[in-house]
Amino acid sequence: MKSLTHGLFDTFVFIFVFVFSCLVIASETISPEDVVSNFYREYLNNHSGDSDAIVKKYVSDELIKSVSYATMCNYDRYDLVSVSGLEQKCSQKHECRQYKWNYICKWYGIWIETDVDYFTKSQDTYPFRRLNIKSSIIAGDENDSLVGIILKGDYGTEVKLKASLKKHGGNWKITKVTE
């Protein structure tokens, strides 16, 4: 009886260690290019219109904050913050300049375009209903990565972007998206 109990205990410990090690390995196997591909696939195929959970999953808190405040101030989104809170945030001076056909301003160290979706650099996301995503590492190390992205959509639509990523707590997060 003692050997049966001892055998069951050893088996239980082995299974526990095996499962835990598999979870640790699985959590670290998602590459920066997979993070970017997964983000764009989920973001552009989100039919509910509420992309906050998707953005929070893949994007750094700093970038979320910059995009959020820039969006609120450029579109007067009073529904997202109180009028006094909006006035306080939007009255702060930001470095701004003309960039290509758009106006960009620096929000907390990140250049944010006005009048476009920050993540696609386009006004509309509808051309990406049938999406083909290609991503590849341009440069990087164990904590920082630059990923090239090509989004191919309907009607020959193609957008080429670069996403900077940084490791936060073992997970890759998007910290910047540029053309």
C-alpha atoms as a PDB file:
ATOM      1  CA  MET A   1       0.000   0.000   0.000  1.00  0.00           C
ATOM      2  CA  LYS A   2       2.850   2.344   0.873  1.00  0.00           C
ATOM      3  CA  SER A   3       4.520   1.819  -2.505  1.00  0.00           C
ATOM      4  CA  LEU A   4       1.208   2.487  -4.292  1.00  0.00           C
ATOM      5  CA  THR A   5       0.748   5.777  -2.406  1.00  0.00           C
ATOM      6  CA  HIS A   6       4.376   6.692  -3.023  1.00  0.00           C
ATOM      7  CA  GLY A   7       3.985   5.836  -6.725  1.00  0.00           C
ATOM      8  CA  LEU A   8       0.833   7.961  -7.020  1.00  0.00           C
ATOM      9  CA  PHE A   9       2.558  10.866  -5.276  1.00  0.00           C
ATOM     10  CA  ASP A  10       5.558  10.635  -7.609  1.00  0.00           C
ATOM     11  CA  THR A  11       3.233  10.492 -10.617  1.00  0.00           C
ATOM     12  CA  PHE A  12       1.288  13.527  -9.366  1.00  0.00           C
ATOM     13  CA  VAL A  13       4.513  15.526  -8.823  1.00  0.00           C
ATOM     14  CA  PHE A  14       5.807  14.540 -12.266  1.00  0.00           C
ATOM     15  CA  ILE A  15       2.550  15.590 -13.971  1.00  0.00           C
ATOM     16  CA  PHE A  16       2.462  18.876 -12.040  1.00  0.00           C
ATOM     17  CA  VAL A  17       6.074  19.738 -12.951  1.00  0.00           C
ATOM     18  CA  PHE A  18       5.518  18.703 -16.576  1.00  0.00           C
ATOM     19  CA  VAL A  19       2.353  20.794 -16.983  1.00  0.00           C
ATOM     20  CA  PHE A  20       3.903  23.817 -15.254  1.00  0.00           C
ATOM     21  CA  SER A  21       7.039  23.662 -17.412  1.00  0.00           C
ATOM     22  CA  CYS A  22       4.895  23.382 -20.559  1.00  0.00           C
ATOM     23  CA  LEU A  23       2.946  26.477 -19.520  1.00  0.00           C
ATOM     24  CA  VAL A  24       6.165  28.415 -18.901  1.00  0.00           C
ATOM     25  CA  ILE A  25       7.577  27.367 -22.266  1.00  0.00           C
ATOM     26  CA  ALA A  26       4.307  28.162 -24.056  1.00  0.00           C
ATOM     27  CA  SER A  27       4.093  31.626 -22.506  1.00  0.00           C
ATOM     28  CA  GLU A  28       7.540  32.513 -23.785  1.00  0.00           C
ATOM     29  CA  THR A  29       7.248  31.098 -27.301  1.00  0.00           C
ATOM     30  CA  ILE A  30       5.135  33.863 -28.841  1.00  0.00           C
ATOM     31  CA  SER A  31       7.497  35.857 -31.018  1.00  0.00           C
ATOM     32  CA  PRO A  32       7.303  39.597 -31.710  1.00  0.00           C
ATOM     33  CA  GLU A  33       6.112  38.962 -35.277  1.00  0.00           C
ATOM     34  CA  ASP A  34       3.375  36.640 -33.965  1.00  0.00           C
ATOM     35  CA  VAL A  35       2.292  39.315 -31.480  1.00  0.00           C
ATOM     36  CA  VAL A  36       2.005  41.845 -34.311  1.00  0.00           C
ATOM     37  CA  SER A  37       0.179  39.414 -36.628  1.00  0.00           C
ATOM     38  CA  ASN A  38      -2.221  38.352 -33.864  1.00  0.00           C
ATOM     39  CA  PHE A  39      -2.887  41.970 -32.913  1.00  0.00           C
ATOM     40  CA  TYR A  40      -3.742  43.073 -36.446  1.00  0.00           C
ATOM     41  CA  ARG A  41      -5.801  39.962 -37.155  1.00  0.00           C
ATOM     42  CA  GLU A  42      -7.899  40.520 -34.015  1.00  0.00           C
ATOM     43  CA  TYR A  43      -7.989  44.320 -34.316  1.00  0.00           C
ATOM     44  CA  LEU A  44      -9.114  44.409 -37.943  1.00  0.00           C
ATOM     45  CA  ASN A  45     -11.541  41.511 -37.634  1.00  0.00           C
ATOM     46  CA  ASN A  46     -13.184  42.948 -34.523  1.00  0.00           C
ATOM     47  CA  HIS A  47     -16.812  43.348 -35.536  1.00  0.00           C
ATOM     48  CA  SER A  48     -18.065  44.496 -32.128  1.00  0.00           C
ATOM     49  CA  GLY A  49     -16.496  47.928 -32.532  1.00  0.00           C
ATOM     50  CA  ASP A  50     -14.977  47.718 -29.043  1.00  0.00           C
ATOM     51  CA  SER A  51     -11.274  47.161 -29.526  1.00  0.00           C
ATOM     52  CA  ASP A  52     -10.160  48.174 -25.999  1.00  0.00           C
ATOM     53  CA  ALA A  53      -9.564  44.594 -24.807  1.00  0.00           C
ATOM     54  CA  ILE A  54      -7.583  43.752 -27.942  1.00  0.00           C
ATOM     55  CA  VAL A  55      -5.450  46.886 -27.656  1.00  0.00           C
ATOM     56  CA  LYS A  56      -4.806  46.289 -23.932  1.00  0.00           C
ATOM     57  CA  LYS A  57      -3.685  42.727 -24.675  1.00  0.00           C
ATOM     58  CA  TYR A  58      -1.039  43.697 -27.256  1.00  0.00           C
ATOM     59  CA  VAL A  59      -0.169  47.391 -26.757  1.00  0.00           C
ATOM     60  CA  SER A  60       1.928  49.041 -24.030  1.00  0.00           C
ATOM     61  CA  ASP A  61       0.180  51.187 -21.448  1.00  0.00           C
ATOM     62  CA  GLU A  62       2.254  54.193 -22.538  1.00  0.00           C
ATOM     63  CA  LEU A  63       1.107  53.938 -26.151  1.00  0.00           C
ATOM     64  CA  ILE A  64      -2.504  53.379 -25.083  1.00  0.00           C
ATOM     65  CA  LYS A  65      -2.338  56.561 -22.995  1.00  0.00           C
ATOM     66  CA  SER A  66      -0.810  58.621 -25.822  1.00  0.00           C
ATOM     67  CA  VAL A  67      -3.296  57.443 -28.441  1.00  0.00           C
ATOM     68  CA  SER A  68      -6.225  57.829 -26.055  1.00  0.00           C
ATOM     69  CA  TYR A  69      -5.466  61.435 -25.106  1.00  0.00           C
ATOM     70  CA  ALA A  70      -4.628  62.431 -28.672  1.00  0.00           C
ATOM     71  CA  THR A  71      -7.917  60.924 -29.853  1.00  0.00           C
ATOM     72  CA  MET A  72      -9.935  62.611 -27.122  1.00  0.00           C
ATOM     73  CA  CYS A  73      -8.417  66.017 -27.793  1.00  0.00           C
ATOM     74  CA  ASN A  74      -8.603  65.807 -31.577  1.00  0.00           C
ATOM     75  CA  TYR A  75     -12.171  64.555 -31.718  1.00  0.00           C
ATOM     76  CA  ASP A  76     -13.624  66.177 -28.578  1.00  0.00           C
ATOM     77  CA  ARG A  77     -14.641  62.820 -27.122  1.00  0.00           C
ATOM     78  CA  TYR A  78     -16.463  64.100 -24.039  1.00  0.00           C
ATOM     79  CA  ASP A  79     -17.977  60.677 -23.503  1.00  0.00           C
ATOM     80  CA  LEU A  80     -14.562  59.259 -22.531  1.00  0.00           C
ATOM     81  CA  VAL A  81     -13.633  61.827 -19.871  1.00  0.00           C
ATOM     82  CA  SER A  82     -15.245  64.739 -18.073  1.00  0.00           C
ATOM     83  CA  VAL A  83     -15.265  68.127 -19.798  1.00  0.00           C
ATOM     84  CA  SER A  84     -12.922  69.582 -17.168  1.00  0.00           C
ATOM     85  CA  GLY A  85     -10.586  66.596 -17.450  1.00  0.00           C
ATOM     86  CA  LEU A  86     -10.581  66.939 -21.232  1.00  0.00           C
ATOM     87  CA  GLU A  87      -9.859  70.666 -21.044  1.00  0.00           C
ATOM     88  CA  GLN A  88      -6.974  70.041 -18.634  1.00  0.00           C
ATOM     89  CA  LYS A  89      -5.380  67.352 -20.843  1.00  0.00           C
ATOM     90  CA  CYS A  90      -6.004  69.142 -24.125  1.00  0.00           C
ATOM     91  CA  SER A  91      -4.803  72.555 -22.983  1.00  0.00           C
ATOM     92  CA  GLN A  92      -1.275  71.210 -22.477  1.00  0.00           C
ATOM     93  CA  LYS A  93       1.134  72.307 -25.185  1.00  0.00           C
ATOM     94  CA  HIS A  94       2.426  69.578 -27.483  1.00  0.00           C
ATOM     95  CA  GLU A  95       5.083  69.700 -30.152  1.00  0.00           C
ATOM     96  CA  CYS A  96       3.292  69.395 -33.494  1.00  0.00           C
ATOM     97  CA  ARG A  97       4.292  69.405 -37.155  1.00  0.00           C
ATOM     98  CA  GLN A  98       3.103  68.624 -40.645  1.00  0.00           C
ATOM     99  CA  TYR A  99       3.935  65.066 -41.742  1.00  0.00           C
ATOM    100  CA  LYS A 100       3.108  63.989 -45.277  1.00  0.00           C
ATOM    101  CA  TRP A 101      -0.585  64.806 -45.673  1.00  0.00           C
ATOM    102  CA  ASN A 102      -1.338  64.862 -41.951  1.00  0.00           C
ATOM    103  CA  TYR A 103      -0.691  66.773 -38.768  1.00  0.00           C
ATOM    104  CA  ILE A 104       1.144  64.927 -35.972  1.00  0.00           C
ATOM    105  CA  CYS A 105       1.717  65.873 -32.343  1.00  0.00           C
ATOM    106  CA  LYS A 106       3.953  64.399 -29.682  1.00  0.00           C
ATOM    107  CA  TRP A 107       1.965  62.900 -26.802  1.00  0.00           C
ATOM    108  CA  TYR A 108       4.100  61.624 -23.926  1.00  0.00           C
ATOM    109  CA  GLY A 109       7.050  61.045 -26.252  1.00  0.00           C
ATOM    110  CA  ILE A 110       5.093  59.326 -29.043  1.00  0.00           C
ATOM    111  CA  TRP A 111       4.129  61.019 -32.315  1.00  0.00           C
ATOM    112  CA  ILE A 112       0.399  60.542 -32.918  1.00  0.00           C
ATOM    113  CA  GLU A 113      -1.331  61.393 -36.198  1.00  0.00           C
ATOM    114  CA  THR A 114      -4.619  63.235 -36.193  1.00  0.00           C
ATOM    115  CA  ASP A 115      -7.619  62.110 -38.210  1.00  0.00           C
ATOM    116  CA  VAL A 116      -6.400  58.540 -38.830  1.00  0.00           C
ATOM    117  CA  ASP A 117      -6.477  55.228 -37.015  1.00  0.00           C
ATOM    118  CA  TYR A 118      -3.091  55.081 -35.274  1.00  0.00           C
ATOM    119  CA  PHE A 119      -2.578  51.361 -35.883  1.00  0.00           C
ATOM    120  CA  THR A 120      -3.409  51.285 -39.602  1.00  0.00           C
ATOM    121  CA  LYS A 121      -2.401  54.846 -40.564  1.00  0.00           C
ATOM    122  CA  SER A 122      -5.640  55.062 -42.518  1.00  0.00           C
ATOM    123  CA  GLN A 123      -9.005  56.701 -41.959  1.00  0.00           C
ATOM    124  CA  ASP A 124     -10.991  53.522 -42.464  1.00  0.00           C
ATOM    125  CA  THR A 125     -10.378  49.886 -41.652  1.00  0.00           C
ATOM    126  CA  TYR A 126     -13.099  48.479 -43.921  1.00  0.00           C
ATOM    127  CA  PRO A 127     -10.701  47.692 -46.815  1.00  0.00           C
ATOM    128  CA  PHE A 128      -9.156  45.028 -44.577  1.00  0.00           C
ATOM    129  CA  ARG A 129     -12.138  42.673 -44.317  1.00  0.00           C
ATOM    130  CA  ARG A 130     -10.285  39.900 -46.143  1.00  0.00           C
ATOM    131  CA  LEU A 131      -6.947  40.422 -44.527  1.00  0.00           C
ATOM    132  CA  ASN A 132      -3.597  38.960 -45.443  1.00  0.00           C
ATOM    133  CA  ILE A 133      -0.877  39.842 -42.933  1.00  0.00           C
ATOM    134  CA  LYS A 134       2.834  39.405 -43.403  1.00  0.00           C
ATOM    135  CA  SER A 135       5.209  40.242 -40.583  1.00  0.00           C
ATOM    136  CA  SER A 136       8.939  39.808 -40.195  1.00  0.00           C
ATOM    137  CA  ILE A 137      11.641  40.872 -37.779  1.00  0.00           C
ATOM    138  CA  ILE A 138      13.680  43.821 -39.031  1.00  0.00           C
ATOM    139  CA  ALA A 139      15.905  44.152 -35.952  1.00  0.00           C
ATOM    140  CA  GLY A 140      15.871  43.204 -32.321  1.00  0.00           C
ATOM    141  CA  ASP A 141      17.290  41.553 -29.265  1.00  0.00           C
ATOM    142  CA  GLU A 142      15.806  39.807 -26.228  1.00  0.00           C
ATOM    143  CA  ASN A 143      14.014  42.973 -24.980  1.00  0.00           C
ATOM    144  CA  ASP A 144      13.365  45.174 -28.041  1.00  0.00           C
ATOM    145  CA  SER A 145      12.179  44.344 -31.524  1.00  0.00           C
ATOM    146  CA  LEU A 146      11.246  46.095 -34.762  1.00  0.00           C
ATOM    147  CA  VAL A 147       8.768  44.201 -36.917  1.00  0.00           C
ATOM    148  CA  GLY A 148       7.830  44.989 -40.500  1.00  0.00           C
ATOM    149  CA  ILE A 149       4.154  44.504 -41.340  1.00  0.00           C
ATOM    150  CA  ILE A 150       2.342  44.364 -44.653  1.00  0.00           C
ATOM    151  CA  LEU A 151      -1.448  44.494 -44.458  1.00  0.00           C
ATOM    152  CA  LYS A 152      -3.060  43.428 -47.719  1.00  0.00           C
ATOM    153  CA  GLY A 153      -6.795  43.874 -47.972  1.00  0.00           C
ATOM    154  CA  ASP A 154      -9.642  44.249 -50.416  1.00  0.00           C
ATOM    155  CA  TYR A 155      -9.311  46.083 -53.729  1.00  0.00           C
ATOM    156  CA  GLY A 156      -5.520  45.802 -53.801  1.00  0.00           C
ATOM    157  CA  THR A 157      -5.202  47.816 -50.580  1.00  0.00           C
ATOM    158  CA  GLU A 158      -1.742  47.454 -49.088  1.00  0.00           C
ATOM    159  CA  VAL A 159      -0.285  49.211 -46.065  1.00  0.00           C
ATOM    160  CA  LYS A 160       3.345  48.822 -45.001  1.00  0.00           C
ATOM    161  CA  LEU A 161       4.090  49.589 -41.363  1.00  0.00           C
ATOM    162  CA  LYS A 162       6.755  49.080 -38.739  1.00  0.00           C
ATOM    163  CA  ALA A 163       5.926  48.159 -35.152  1.00  0.00           C
ATOM    164  CA  SER A 164       8.355  48.638 -32.290  1.00  0.00           C
ATOM    165  CA  LEU A 165       7.914  46.181 -29.442  1.00  0.00           C
ATOM    166  CA  LYS A 166       9.359  45.917 -25.962  1.00  0.00           C
ATOM    167  CA  LYS A 167       9.194  43.068 -23.492  1.00  0.00           C
ATOM    168  CA  HIS A 168       6.991  43.899 -20.501  1.00  0.00           C
ATOM    169  CA  GLY A 169       6.886  41.234 -17.808  1.00  0.00           C
ATOM    170  CA  GLY A 170       7.879  38.484 -20.232  1.00  0.00           C
ATOM    171  CA  ASN A 171       5.311  39.496 -22.876  1.00  0.00           C
ATOM    172  CA  TRP A 172       5.945  41.510 -26.012  1.00  0.00           C
ATOM    173  CA  LYS A 173       3.931  44.743 -26.251  1.00  0.00           C
ATOM    174  CA  ILE A 174       3.663  47.160 -29.174  1.00  0.00           C
ATOM    175  CA  THR A 175       5.187  50.518 -28.184  1.00  0.00           C
ATOM    176  CA  LYS A 176       5.025  52.381 -31.510  1.00  0.00           C
ATOM    177  CA  VAL A 177       3.684  51.996 -35.048  1.00  0.00           C
ATOM    178  CA  THR A 178       5.182  53.968 -37.934  1.00  0.00           C
ATOM    179  CA  GLU A 179       4.986  53.955 -41.721  1.00  0.00           C
END
